[in-house]
Every structure is written in C-alpha cells, then in structure tokens.
C-alpha cells in the first residue's frame, strides 16, 4: 500500500498542521457509484478494484480504504483519469450514477 508508516506501523500522512488525513469516504457507497461503466468511460481501467490495485493501494476493507492518503489518491486520479482529484472524481461518479438511474426509469425533465 502506498502510505507512509510510522515505526509503530500506523499509516501516516502529515498535513501542514501536523494532523493525519486519509480517505474517509464509505467504501461500499463508493463502489456503488464508481461502477464499471463509469470507470471505463472516465479512466483507462475497467473497474474500481483495478484502479486501486494498479496504484498499489491494497483496499480490502473500509479501514484499508481510510488509510489511503488523500494526496496519493489525488495524484493517481490526476494521472489516470479525466479528473483533477479524488473529490472531483467521486462527485462526477455520483452525477453519472444519478443520470444512469433516471434514464433507467425513463425520467424526463420538465
């Protein structure tokens, strides 16, 4: 996993104020939004698991996901997608999911 580790083995990415930041998104929710259709359209990967694995992020659990440093994820997203950072990618995935669901029920805007 691409994280910095302390001697105690805890993942650590210091910020300007000395605090530690990792991704706090809900992994199950993210998996629902970053569908294979979304990943194929906006990245060179066919699914979220391949995207994470190719970055070196070993993400099997929510805790693993939370240990992924935001800056490392942002860099990976910027290099391998059409988005500037993780937050932008997740937001676009939410919009994509909503649009897909509305099309599935044949929703027509007024």
PDB file of N, CA and C in Angstrom:
ATOM      1  N   UNK A   1       0.847  -1.167   0.000  1.00  0.00           N
ATOM      2  CA  UNK A   1       0.000   0.000   0.000  1.00  0.00           C
ATOM      3  C   UNK A   1       0.894   1.232   0.000  1.00  0.00           C
ATOM      4  N   UNK A   2       0.536   2.247  -0.753  1.00  0.00           N
ATOM      5  CA  UNK A   2       1.319   3.457  -0.823  1.00  0.00           C
ATOM      6  C   UNK A   2       0.929   4.401   0.315  1.00  0.00           C
ATOM      7  N   UNK A   3       1.461   4.155   1.485  1.00  0.00           N
ATOM      8  CA  UNK A   3       1.264   5.039   2.624  1.00  0.00           C
ATOM      9  C   UNK A   3       2.599   5.214   3.308  1.00  0.00           C
ATOM     10  N   UNK A   4       2.710   6.264   4.076  1.00  0.00           N
ATOM     11  CA  UNK A   4       3.881   6.445   4.905  1.00  0.00           C
ATOM     12  C   UNK A   4       3.593   5.740   6.216  1.00  0.00           C
ATOM     13  N   UNK A   5       4.573   5.069   6.779  1.00  0.00           N
ATOM     14  CA  UNK A   5       4.327   4.351   8.018  1.00  0.00           C
ATOM     15  C   UNK A   5       5.249   4.851   9.113  1.00  0.00           C
ATOM     16  N   UNK A   6       4.696   4.926  10.312  1.00  0.00           N
ATOM     17  CA  UNK A   6       5.492   5.252  11.480  1.00  0.00           C
ATOM     18  C   UNK A   6       6.179   3.990  11.942  1.00  0.00           C
ATOM     19  N   UNK A   7       7.038   4.078  12.932  1.00  0.00           N
ATOM     20  CA  UNK A   7       7.700   2.889  13.451  1.00  0.00           C
ATOM     21  C   UNK A   7       6.696   1.911  14.039  1.00  0.00           C
ATOM     22  N   UNK A   8       5.551   2.399  14.506  1.00  0.00           N
ATOM     23  CA  UNK A   8       4.534   1.516  15.060  1.00  0.00           C
ATOM     24  C   UNK A   8       3.727   0.831  13.965  1.00  0.00           C
ATOM     25  N   UNK A   9       3.981   1.206  12.686  1.00  0.00           N
ATOM     26  CA  UNK A   9       3.297   0.576  11.572  1.00  0.00           C
ATOM     27  C   UNK A   9       1.995   1.249  11.199  1.00  0.00           C
ATOM     28  N   UNK A  10       1.645   2.341  11.838  1.00  0.00           N
ATOM     29  CA  UNK A  10       0.406   3.041  11.511  1.00  0.00           C
ATOM     30  C   UNK A  10       0.619   3.935  10.301  1.00  0.00           C
ATOM     31  N   UNK A  11      -0.368   3.943   9.427  1.00  0.00           N
ATOM     32  CA  UNK A  11      -0.309   4.782   8.237  1.00  0.00           C
ATOM     33  C   UNK A  11      -0.318   6.240   8.660  1.00  0.00           C
ATOM     34  N   UNK A  12       0.434   7.059   7.950  1.00  0.00           N
ATOM     35  CA  UNK A  12       0.615   8.416   8.404  1.00  0.00           C
ATOM     36  C   UNK A  12       0.913   9.327   7.220  1.00  0.00           C
ATOM     37  N   UNK A  13       0.148  10.366   7.055  1.00  0.00           N
ATOM     38  CA  UNK A  13       0.445  11.380   6.058  1.00  0.00           C
ATOM     39  C   UNK A  13       0.219  12.731   6.716  1.00  0.00           C
ATOM     40  N   UNK A  14       1.273  13.408   7.151  1.00  0.00           N
ATOM     41  CA  UNK A  14       1.088  14.665   7.860  1.00  0.00           C
ATOM     42  C   UNK A  14       0.629  15.791   6.939  1.00  0.00           C
ATOM     43  N   UNK A  15      -0.185  16.666   7.488  1.00  0.00           N
ATOM     44  CA  UNK A  15      -0.622  17.865   6.779  1.00  0.00           C
ATOM     45  C   UNK A  15       0.176  19.041   7.304  1.00  0.00           C
ATOM     46  N   UNK A  16      -0.117  20.229   6.819  1.00  0.00           N
ATOM     47  CA  UNK A  16       0.593  21.420   7.273  1.00  0.00           C
ATOM     48  C   UNK A  16       0.478  21.622   8.780  1.00  0.00           C
ATOM     49  N   UNK A  17      -0.663  21.252   9.359  1.00  0.00           N
ATOM     50  CA  UNK A  17      -0.850  21.436  10.802  1.00  0.00           C
ATOM     51  C   UNK A  17      -0.428  20.218  11.614  1.00  0.00           C
ATOM     52  N   UNK A  18       0.174  19.226  10.962  1.00  0.00           N
ATOM     53  CA  UNK A  18       0.665  18.053  11.660  1.00  0.00           C
ATOM     54  C   UNK A  18      -0.348  16.937  11.824  1.00  0.00           C
ATOM     55  N   UNK A  19      -1.586  17.162  11.411  1.00  0.00           N
ATOM     56  CA  UNK A  19      -2.594  16.113  11.533  1.00  0.00           C
ATOM     57  C   UNK A  19      -2.420  15.099  10.400  1.00  0.00           C
ATOM     58  N   UNK A  20      -3.132  13.999  10.500  1.00  0.00           N
ATOM     59  CA  UNK A  20      -3.036  12.933   9.503  1.00  0.00           C
ATOM     60  C   UNK A  20      -4.355  12.846   8.760  1.00  0.00           C
ATOM     61  N   UNK A  21      -4.287  12.757   7.426  1.00  0.00           N
ATOM     62  CA  UNK A  21      -5.504  12.694   6.620  1.00  0.00           C
ATOM     63  C   UNK A  21      -5.463  11.470   5.725  1.00  0.00           C
ATOM     64  N   UNK A  22      -6.558  10.717   5.736  1.00  0.00           N
ATOM     65  CA  UNK A  22      -6.762   9.611   4.813  1.00  0.00           C
ATOM     66  C   UNK A  22      -8.150   9.779   4.230  1.00  0.00           C
ATOM     67  N   UNK A  23      -8.515   8.918   3.328  1.00  0.00           N
ATOM     68  CA  UNK A  23      -9.836   8.995   2.712  1.00  0.00           C
ATOM     69  C   UNK A  23     -10.875   8.509   3.701  1.00  0.00           C
ATOM     70  N   UNK A  24     -11.920   9.279   3.913  1.00  0.00           N
ATOM     71  CA  UNK A  24     -12.950   8.933   4.889  1.00  0.00           C
ATOM     72  C   UNK A  24     -14.262   8.537   4.235  1.00  0.00           C
ATOM     73  N   UNK A  25     -14.273   8.405   2.911  1.00  0.00           N
ATOM     74  CA  UNK A  25     -15.492   8.011   2.212  1.00  0.00           C
ATOM     75  C   UNK A  25     -15.892   6.595   2.586  1.00  0.00           C
ATOM     76  N   UNK A  26     -17.171   6.299   2.428  1.00  0.00           N
ATOM     77  CA  UNK A  26     -17.671   4.958   2.684  1.00  0.00           C
ATOM     78  C   UNK A  26     -17.366   4.078   1.476  1.00  0.00           C
ATOM     79  N   UNK A  27     -16.573   3.050   1.673  1.00  0.00           N
ATOM     80  CA  UNK A  27     -16.119   2.200   0.569  1.00  0.00           C
ATOM     81  C   UNK A  27     -17.280   1.543  -0.169  1.00  0.00           C
ATOM     82  N   UNK A  28     -18.278   1.041   0.566  1.00  0.00           N
ATOM     83  CA  UNK A  28     -19.413   0.396  -0.098  1.00  0.00           C
ATOM     84  C   UNK A  28     -20.170   1.379  -0.981  1.00  0.00           C
ATOM     85  N   UNK A  29     -20.349   2.600  -0.498  1.00  0.00           N
ATOM     86  CA  UNK A  29     -21.034   3.625  -1.289  1.00  0.00           C
ATOM     87  C   UNK A  29     -20.209   3.991  -2.526  1.00  0.00           C
ATOM     88  N   UNK A  30     -18.919   4.135  -2.342  1.00  0.00           N
ATOM     89  CA  UNK A  30     -18.031   4.462  -3.457  1.00  0.00           C
ATOM     90  C   UNK A  30     -18.097   3.372  -4.528  1.00  0.00           C
ATOM     91  N   UNK A  31     -18.126   2.112  -4.105  1.00  0.00           N
ATOM     92  CA  UNK A  31     -18.212   1.009  -5.070  1.00  0.00           C
ATOM     93  C   UNK A  31     -19.514   1.074  -5.864  1.00  0.00           C
ATOM     94  N   UNK A  32     -20.588   1.542  -5.237  1.00  0.00           N
ATOM     95  CA  UNK A  32     -21.863   1.677  -5.950  1.00  0.00           C
ATOM     96  C   UNK A  32     -21.810   2.770  -7.008  1.00  0.00           C
ATOM     97  N   UNK A  33     -21.085   3.847  -6.728  1.00  0.00           N
ATOM     98  CA  UNK A  33     -21.023   4.972  -7.653  1.00  0.00           C
ATOM     99  C   UNK A  33     -19.960   4.813  -8.734  1.00  0.00           C
ATOM    100  N   UNK A  34     -18.794   4.310  -8.365  1.00  0.00           N
ATOM    101  CA  UNK A  34     -17.729   4.136  -9.345  1.00  0.00           C
ATOM    102  C   UNK A  34     -17.900   2.779 -10.016  1.00  0.00           C
ATOM    103  N   UNK A  35     -18.938   2.702 -10.800  1.00  0.00           N
ATOM    104  CA  UNK A  35     -19.319   1.469 -11.489  1.00  0.00           C
ATOM    105  C   UNK A  35     -18.348   1.163 -12.625  1.00  0.00           C
ATOM    106  N   UNK A  36     -18.368  -0.072 -13.116  1.00  0.00           N
ATOM    107  CA  UNK A  36     -17.536  -0.374 -14.294  1.00  0.00           C
ATOM    108  C   UNK A  36     -17.838   0.556 -15.477  1.00  0.00           C
ATOM    109  N   UNK A  37     -19.091   0.902 -15.681  1.00  0.00           N
ATOM    110  CA  UNK A  37     -19.434   1.807 -16.794  1.00  0.00           C
ATOM    111  C   UNK A  37     -18.773   3.172 -16.602  1.00  0.00           C
ATOM    112  N   UNK A  38     -18.802   3.700 -15.384  1.00  0.00           N
ATOM    113  CA  UNK A  38     -18.163   4.982 -15.092  1.00  0.00           C
ATOM    114  C   UNK A  38     -16.651   4.874 -15.278  1.00  0.00           C
ATOM    115  N   UNK A  39     -16.063   3.830 -14.708  1.00  0.00           N
ATOM    116  CA  UNK A  39     -14.611   3.667 -14.772  1.00  0.00           C
ATOM    117  C   UNK A  39     -14.130   3.528 -16.209  1.00  0.00           C
ATOM    118  N   UNK A  40     -14.862   2.781 -17.026  1.00  0.00           N
ATOM    119  CA  UNK A  40     -14.485   2.613 -18.431  1.00  0.00           C
ATOM    120  C   UNK A  40     -14.589   3.923 -19.208  1.00  0.00           C
ATOM    121  N   UNK A  41     -15.576   4.728 -18.861  1.00  0.00           N
ATOM    122  CA  UNK A  41     -15.788   5.989 -19.575  1.00  0.00           C
ATOM    123  C   UNK A  41     -14.752   7.050 -19.200  1.00  0.00           C
ATOM    124  N   UNK A  42     -14.353   7.089 -17.928  1.00  0.00           N
ATOM    125  CA  UNK A  42     -13.520   8.199 -17.449  1.00  0.00           C
ATOM    126  C   UNK A  42     -12.092   7.832 -17.060  1.00  0.00           C
ATOM    127  N   UNK A  43     -11.749   6.547 -17.113  1.00  0.00           N
ATOM    128  CA  UNK A  43     -10.380   6.137 -16.796  1.00  0.00           C
ATOM    129  C   UNK A  43      -9.949   5.074 -17.812  1.00  0.00           C
ATOM    130  N   UNK A  44      -8.737   4.605 -17.667  1.00  0.00           N
ATOM    131  CA  UNK A  44      -8.250   3.521 -18.519  1.00  0.00           C
ATOM    132  C   UNK A  44      -8.487   2.161 -17.860  1.00  0.00           C
ATOM    133  N   UNK A  45      -9.205   2.153 -16.748  1.00  0.00           N
ATOM    134  CA  UNK A  45      -9.455   0.927 -16.001  1.00  0.00           C
ATOM    135  C   UNK A  45     -10.899   0.476 -16.171  1.00  0.00           C
ATOM    136  N   UNK A  46     -11.110  -0.833 -16.032  1.00  0.00           N
ATOM    137  CA  UNK A  46     -12.451  -1.378 -16.222  1.00  0.00           C
ATOM    138  C   UNK A  46     -13.266  -1.440 -14.939  1.00  0.00           C
ATOM    139  N   UNK A  47     -12.607  -1.253 -13.797  1.00  0.00           N
ATOM    140  CA  UNK A  47     -13.341  -1.281 -12.531  1.00  0.00           C
ATOM    141  C   UNK A  47     -12.528  -0.576 -11.443  1.00  0.00           C
ATOM    142  N   UNK A  48     -13.200  -0.258 -10.349  1.00  0.00           N
ATOM    143  CA  UNK A  48     -12.552   0.434  -9.235  1.00  0.00           C
ATOM    144  C   UNK A  48     -11.431  -0.408  -8.634  1.00  0.00           C
ATOM    145  N   UNK A  49     -11.647  -1.699  -8.516  1.00  0.00           N
ATOM    146  CA  UNK A  49     -10.642  -2.575  -7.920  1.00  0.00           C
ATOM    147  C   UNK A  49      -9.337  -2.532  -8.716  1.00  0.00           C
ATOM    148  N   UNK A  50      -9.425  -2.577 -10.039  1.00  0.00           N
ATOM    149  CA  UNK A  50      -8.225  -2.489 -10.879  1.00  0.00           C
ATOM    150  C   UNK A  50      -7.546  -1.134 -10.726  1.00  0.00           C
ATOM    151  N   UNK A  51      -8.352  -0.084 -10.649  1.00  0.00           N
ATOM    152  CA  UNK A  51      -7.843   1.275 -10.475  1.00  0.00           C
ATOM    153  C   UNK A  51      -7.024   1.373  -9.190  1.00  0.00           C
ATOM    154  N   UNK A  52      -7.573   0.866  -8.093  1.00  0.00           N
ATOM    155  CA  UNK A  52      -6.896   0.933  -6.798  1.00  0.00           C
ATOM    156  C   UNK A  52      -5.675   0.024  -6.760  1.00  0.00           C
ATOM    157  N   UNK A  53      -5.829  -1.174  -7.276  1.00  0.00           N
ATOM    158  CA  UNK A  53      -4.744  -2.143  -7.261  1.00  0.00           C
ATOM    159  C   UNK A  53      -3.559  -1.651  -8.094  1.00  0.00           C
ATOM    160  N   UNK A  54      -3.821  -1.053  -9.232  1.00  0.00           N
ATOM    161  CA  UNK A  54      -2.747  -0.547 -10.090  1.00  0.00           C
ATOM    162  C   UNK A  54      -1.971   0.588  -9.432  1.00  0.00           C
ATOM    163  N   UNK A  55      -2.630   1.273  -8.519  1.00  0.00           N
ATOM    164  CA  UNK A  55      -1.960   2.348  -7.781  1.00  0.00           C
ATOM    165  C   UNK A  55      -1.119   1.805  -6.634  1.00  0.00           C
ATOM    166  N   UNK A  56      -1.317   0.525  -6.320  1.00  0.00           N
ATOM    167  CA  UNK A  56      -0.605  -0.058  -5.194  1.00  0.00           C
ATOM    168  C   UNK A  56      -1.365   0.038  -3.893  1.00  0.00           C
ATOM    169  N   UNK A  57      -2.643   0.428  -3.975  1.00  0.00           N
ATOM    170  CA  UNK A  57      -3.462   0.538  -2.778  1.00  0.00           C
ATOM    171  C   UNK A  57      -4.146  -0.807  -2.515  1.00  0.00           C
ATOM    172  N   UNK A  58      -3.770  -1.468  -1.435  1.00  0.00           N
ATOM    173  CA  UNK A  58      -4.386  -2.743  -1.054  1.00  0.00           C
ATOM    174  C   UNK A  58      -5.634  -2.426  -0.248  1.00  0.00           C
ATOM    175  N   UNK A  59      -6.784  -2.408  -0.909  1.00  0.00           N
ATOM    176  CA  UNK A  59      -8.027  -1.995  -0.268  1.00  0.00           C
ATOM    177  C   UNK A  59      -9.006  -3.168  -0.248  1.00  0.00           C
ATOM    178  N   UNK A  60      -9.044  -3.865   0.881  1.00  0.00           N
ATOM    179  CA  UNK A  60      -9.978  -4.977   1.051  1.00  0.00           C
ATOM    180  C   UNK A  60     -11.081  -4.625   2.040  1.00  0.00           C
ATOM    181  N   UNK A  61     -10.822  -3.643   2.902  1.00  0.00           N
ATOM    182  CA  UNK A  61     -11.786  -3.274   3.939  1.00  0.00           C
ATOM    183  C   UNK A  61     -11.945  -1.765   4.004  1.00  0.00           C
ATOM    184  N   UNK A  62     -12.956  -1.329   4.737  1.00  0.00           N
ATOM    185  CA  UNK A  62     -13.161   0.102   4.958  1.00  0.00           C
ATOM    186  C   UNK A  62     -11.927   0.713   5.618  1.00  0.00           C
ATOM    187  N   UNK A  63     -11.356   0.016   6.576  1.00  0.00           N
ATOM    188  CA  UNK A  63     -10.175   0.528   7.264  1.00  0.00           C
ATOM    189  C   UNK A  63      -9.003   0.704   6.295  1.00  0.00           C
ATOM    190  N   UNK A  64      -8.800  -0.259   5.402  1.00  0.00           N
ATOM    191  CA  UNK A  64      -7.750  -0.136   4.387  1.00  0.00           C
ATOM    192  C   UNK A  64      -7.969   1.115   3.543  1.00  0.00           C
ATOM    193  N   UNK A  65      -9.219   1.326   3.150  1.00  0.00           N
ATOM    194  CA  UNK A  65      -9.575   2.465   2.304  1.00  0.00           C
ATOM    195  C   UNK A  65      -9.280   3.784   3.014  1.00  0.00           C
ATOM    196  N   UNK A  66      -9.573   3.825   4.301  1.00  0.00           N
ATOM    197  CA  UNK A  66      -9.339   5.045   5.076  1.00  0.00           C
ATOM    198  C   UNK A  66      -7.863   5.348   5.259  1.00  0.00           C
ATOM    199  N   UNK A  67      -7.012   4.354   5.089  1.00  0.00           N
ATOM    200  CA  UNK A  67      -5.575   4.560   5.232  1.00  0.00           C
ATOM    201  C   UNK A  67      -4.915   5.089   3.961  1.00  0.00           C
ATOM    202  N   UNK A  68      -5.659   5.117   2.870  1.00  0.00           N
ATOM    203  CA  UNK A  68      -5.097   5.652   1.616  1.00  0.00           C
ATOM    204  C   UNK A  68      -4.963   7.163   1.760  1.00  0.00           C
ATOM    205  N   UNK A  69      -3.753   7.690   1.658  1.00  0.00           N
ATOM    206  CA  UNK A  69      -3.560   9.144   1.782  1.00  0.00           C
ATOM    207  C   UNK A  69      -4.267   9.889   0.652  1.00  0.00           C
ATOM    208  N   UNK A  70      -4.936  10.952   1.006  1.00  0.00           N
ATOM    209  CA  UNK A  70      -5.679  11.739   0.024  1.00  0.00           C
ATOM    210  C   UNK A  70      -4.760  12.269  -1.070  1.00  0.00           C
ATOM    211  N   UNK A  71      -3.588  12.749  -0.707  1.00  0.00           N
ATOM    212  CA  UNK A  71      -2.697  13.316  -1.725  1.00  0.00           C
ATOM    213  C   UNK A  71      -2.234  12.252  -2.708  1.00  0.00           C
ATOM    214  N   UNK A  72      -1.984  11.045  -2.220  1.00  0.00           N
ATOM    215  CA  UNK A  72      -1.581   9.955  -3.120  1.00  0.00           C
ATOM    216  C   UNK A  72      -2.728   9.591  -4.054  1.00  0.00           C
ATOM    217  N   UNK A  73      -3.941   9.551  -3.512  1.00  0.00           N
ATOM    218  CA  UNK A  73      -5.110   9.245  -4.343  1.00  0.00           C
ATOM    219  C   UNK A  73      -5.337  10.358  -5.356  1.00  0.00           C
ATOM    220  N   UNK A  74      -5.224  11.610  -4.923  1.00  0.00           N
ATOM    221  CA  UNK A  74      -5.391  12.734  -5.846  1.00  0.00           C
ATOM    222  C   UNK A  74      -4.397  12.653  -7.003  1.00  0.00           C
ATOM    223  N   UNK A  75      -3.147  12.338  -6.679  1.00  0.00           N
ATOM    224  CA  UNK A  75      -2.122  12.217  -7.722  1.00  0.00           C
ATOM    225  C   UNK A  75      -2.477  11.097  -8.700  1.00  0.00           C
ATOM    226  N   UNK A  76      -2.920   9.943  -8.176  1.00  0.00           N
ATOM    227  CA  UNK A  76      -3.278   8.805  -9.022  1.00  0.00           C
ATOM    228  C   UNK A  76      -4.467   9.152  -9.918  1.00  0.00           C
ATOM    229  N   UNK A  77      -5.459   9.804  -9.347  1.00  0.00           N
ATOM    230  CA  UNK A  77      -6.647  10.210 -10.117  1.00  0.00           C
ATOM    231  C   UNK A  77      -6.233  11.153 -11.243  1.00  0.00           C
ATOM    232  N   UNK A  78      -5.415  12.127 -10.912  1.00  0.00           N
ATOM    233  CA  UNK A  78      -4.998  13.102 -11.921  1.00  0.00           C
ATOM    234  C   UNK A  78      -4.211  12.443 -13.051  1.00  0.00           C
ATOM    235  N   UNK A  79      -3.396  11.455 -12.746  1.00  0.00           N
ATOM    236  CA  UNK A  79      -2.587  10.778 -13.751  1.00  0.00           C
ATOM    237  C   UNK A  79      -3.372   9.776 -14.590  1.00  0.00           C
ATOM    238  N   UNK A  80      -4.490   9.264 -14.057  1.00  0.00           N
ATOM    239  CA  UNK A  80      -5.163   8.135 -14.694  1.00  0.00           C
ATOM    240  C   UNK A  80      -6.645   8.327 -14.960  1.00  0.00           C
ATOM    241  N   UNK A  81      -7.080   9.577 -14.965  1.00  0.00           N
ATOM    242  CA  UNK A  81      -8.481   9.841 -15.256  1.00  0.00           C
ATOM    243  C   UNK A  81      -8.607  11.232 -15.862  1.00  0.00           C
ATOM    244  N   UNK A  82      -9.837  11.625 -16.078  1.00  0.00           N
ATOM    245  CA  UNK A  82     -10.109  12.957 -16.630  1.00  0.00           C
ATOM    246  C   UNK A  82     -10.384  13.976 -15.525  1.00  0.00           C
ATOM    247  N   UNK A  83     -10.062  13.613 -14.268  1.00  0.00           N
ATOM    248  CA  UNK A  83     -10.383  14.459 -13.123  1.00  0.00           C
ATOM    249  C   UNK A  83      -9.118  14.989 -12.465  1.00  0.00           C
ATOM    250  N   UNK A  84      -9.268  16.117 -11.762  1.00  0.00           N
ATOM    251  CA  UNK A  84      -8.130  16.739 -11.094  1.00  0.00           C
ATOM    252  C   UNK A  84      -7.801  16.101  -9.751  1.00  0.00           C
ATOM    253  N   UNK A  85      -8.815  15.516  -9.087  1.00  0.00           N
ATOM    254  CA  UNK A  85      -8.578  14.923  -7.782  1.00  0.00           C
ATOM    255  C   UNK A  85      -9.682  13.921  -7.436  1.00  0.00           C
ATOM    256  N   UNK A  86      -9.495  13.229  -6.324  1.00  0.00           N
ATOM    257  CA  UNK A  86     -10.432  12.194  -5.878  1.00  0.00           C
ATOM    258  C   UNK A  86     -11.820  12.766  -5.638  1.00  0.00           C
ATOM    259  N   UNK A  87     -11.898  13.897  -4.995  1.00  0.00           N
ATOM    260  CA  UNK A  87     -13.193  14.504  -4.689  1.00  0.00           C
ATOM    261  C   UNK A  87     -13.982  14.799  -5.961  1.00  0.00           C
ATOM    262  N   UNK A  88     -13.315  15.341  -6.959  1.00  0.00           N
ATOM    263  CA  UNK A  88     -13.969  15.635  -8.237  1.00  0.00           C
ATOM    264  C   UNK A  88     -14.440  14.356  -8.918  1.00  0.00           C
ATOM    265  N   UNK A  89     -13.636  13.310  -8.830  1.00  0.00           N
ATOM    266  CA  UNK A  89     -13.996  12.033  -9.452  1.00  0.00           C
ATOM    267  C   UNK A  89     -15.228  11.427  -8.772  1.00  0.00           C
ATOM    268  N   UNK A  90     -15.252  11.428  -7.450  1.00  0.00           N
ATOM    269  CA  UNK A  90     -16.389  10.878  -6.712  1.00  0.00           C
ATOM    270  C   UNK A  90     -17.655  11.685  -6.986  1.00  0.00           C
ATOM    271  N   UNK A  91     -17.531  13.002  -7.048  1.00  0.00           N
ATOM    272  CA  UNK A  91     -18.682  13.861  -7.346  1.00  0.00           C
ATOM    273  C   UNK A  91     -19.238  13.551  -8.740  1.00  0.00           C
ATOM    274  N   UNK A  92     -18.350  13.428  -9.710  1.00  0.00           N
ATOM    275  CA  UNK A  92     -18.780  13.092 -11.074  1.00  0.00           C
ATOM    276  C   UNK A  92     -19.420  11.709 -11.120  1.00  0.00           C
ATOM    277  N   UNK A  93     -18.897  10.785 -10.330  1.00  0.00           N
ATOM    278  CA  UNK A  93     -19.470   9.438 -10.282  1.00  0.00           C
ATOM    279  C   UNK A  93     -20.888   9.481  -9.722  1.00  0.00           C
ATOM    280  N   UNK A  94     -21.117  10.337  -8.732  1.00  0.00           N
ATOM    281  CA  UNK A  94     -22.466  10.498  -8.192  1.00  0.00           C
ATOM    282  C   UNK A  94     -23.418  11.039  -9.244  1.00  0.00           C
ATOM    283  N   UNK A  95     -22.971  12.035  -9.996  1.00  0.00           N
ATOM    284  CA  UNK A  95     -23.794  12.593 -11.075  1.00  0.00           C
ATOM    285  C   UNK A  95     -24.072  11.537 -12.144  1.00  0.00           C
ATOM    286  N   UNK A  96     -23.049  10.787 -12.510  1.00  0.00           N
ATOM    287  CA  UNK A  96     -23.177   9.730 -13.514  1.00  0.00           C
ATOM    288  C   UNK A  96     -24.182   8.678 -13.046  1.00  0.00           C
ATOM    289  N   UNK A  97     -24.084   8.288 -11.790  1.00  0.00           N
ATOM    290  CA  UNK A  97     -24.990   7.293 -11.218  1.00  0.00           C
ATOM    291  C   UNK A  97     -26.426   7.809 -11.254  1.00  0.00           C
ATOM    292  N   UNK A  98     -26.626   9.049 -10.841  1.00  0.00           N
ATOM    293  CA  UNK A  98     -27.965   9.647 -10.838  1.00  0.00           C
ATOM    294  C   UNK A  98     -28.541   9.690 -12.257  1.00  0.00           C
ATOM    295  N   UNK A  99     -27.751  10.160 -13.205  1.00  0.00           N
ATOM    296  CA  UNK A  99     -28.203  10.221 -14.601  1.00  0.00           C
ATOM    297  C   UNK A  99     -28.564   8.831 -15.128  1.00  0.00           C
ATOM    298  N   UNK A 100     -27.734   7.859 -14.791  1.00  0.00           N
ATOM    299  CA  UNK A 100     -27.988   6.482 -15.231  1.00  0.00           C
ATOM    300  C   UNK A 100     -29.301   5.960 -14.646  1.00  0.00           C
ATOM    301  N   UNK A 101     -29.531   6.237 -13.378  1.00  0.00           N
ATOM    302  CA  UNK A 101     -30.764   5.780 -12.728  1.00  0.00           C
ATOM    303  C   UNK A 101     -31.989   6.467 -13.324  1.00  0.00           C
ATOM    304  N   UNK A 102     -31.870   7.744 -13.612  1.00  0.00           N
ATOM    305  CA  UNK A 102     -33.001   8.474 -14.193  1.00  0.00           C
ATOM    306  C   UNK A 102     -33.321   7.956 -15.607  1.00  0.00           C
ATOM    307  N   UNK A 103     -32.288   7.661 -16.370  1.00  0.00           N
ATOM    308  CA  UNK A 103     -32.502   7.097 -17.702  1.00  0.00           C
ATOM    309  C   UNK A 103     -33.137   5.723 -17.612  1.00  0.00           C
ATOM    310  N   UNK A 104     -32.753   4.960 -16.605  1.00  0.00           N
ATOM    311  CA  UNK A 104     -33.290   3.602 -16.430  1.00  0.00           C
ATOM    312  C   UNK A 104     -34.808   3.616 -16.176  1.00  0.00           C
ATOM    313  N   UNK A 105     -35.291   4.668 -15.522  1.00  0.00           N
ATOM    314  CA  UNK A 105     -36.735   4.750 -15.267  1.00  0.00           C
ATOM    315  C   UNK A 105     -37.429   5.652 -16.291  1.00  0.00           C
ATOM    316  N   UNK A 106     -36.641   6.027 -17.310  1.00  0.00           N
ATOM    317  CA  UNK A 106     -37.156   6.866 -18.399  1.00  0.00           C
ATOM    318  C   UNK A 106     -37.707   8.207 -17.892  1.00  0.00           C
ATOM    319  N   UNK A 107     -37.001   8.778 -16.918  1.00  0.00           N
ATOM    320  CA  UNK A 107     -37.379  10.073 -16.359  1.00  0.00           C
ATOM    321  C   UNK A 107     -37.125  11.168 -17.388  1.00  0.00           C
ATOM    322  N   UNK A 108     -38.098  12.037 -17.569  1.00  0.00           N
ATOM    323  CA  UNK A 108     -37.958  13.166 -18.486  1.00  0.00           C
ATOM    324  C   UNK A 108     -38.071  14.452 -17.690  1.00  0.00           C
ATOM    325  N   UNK A 109     -37.095  15.331 -17.875  1.00  0.00           N
ATOM    326  CA  UNK A 109     -37.141  16.597 -17.162  1.00  0.00           C
ATOM    327  C   UNK A 109     -38.224  17.493 -17.750  1.00  0.00           C
ATOM    328  N   UNK A 110     -38.677  18.398 -16.938  1.00  0.00           N
ATOM    329  CA  UNK A 110     -39.778  19.299 -17.344  1.00  0.00           C
ATOM    330  C   UNK A 110     -39.248  20.440 -18.166  1.00  0.00           C
TER     331      UNK A 110
END
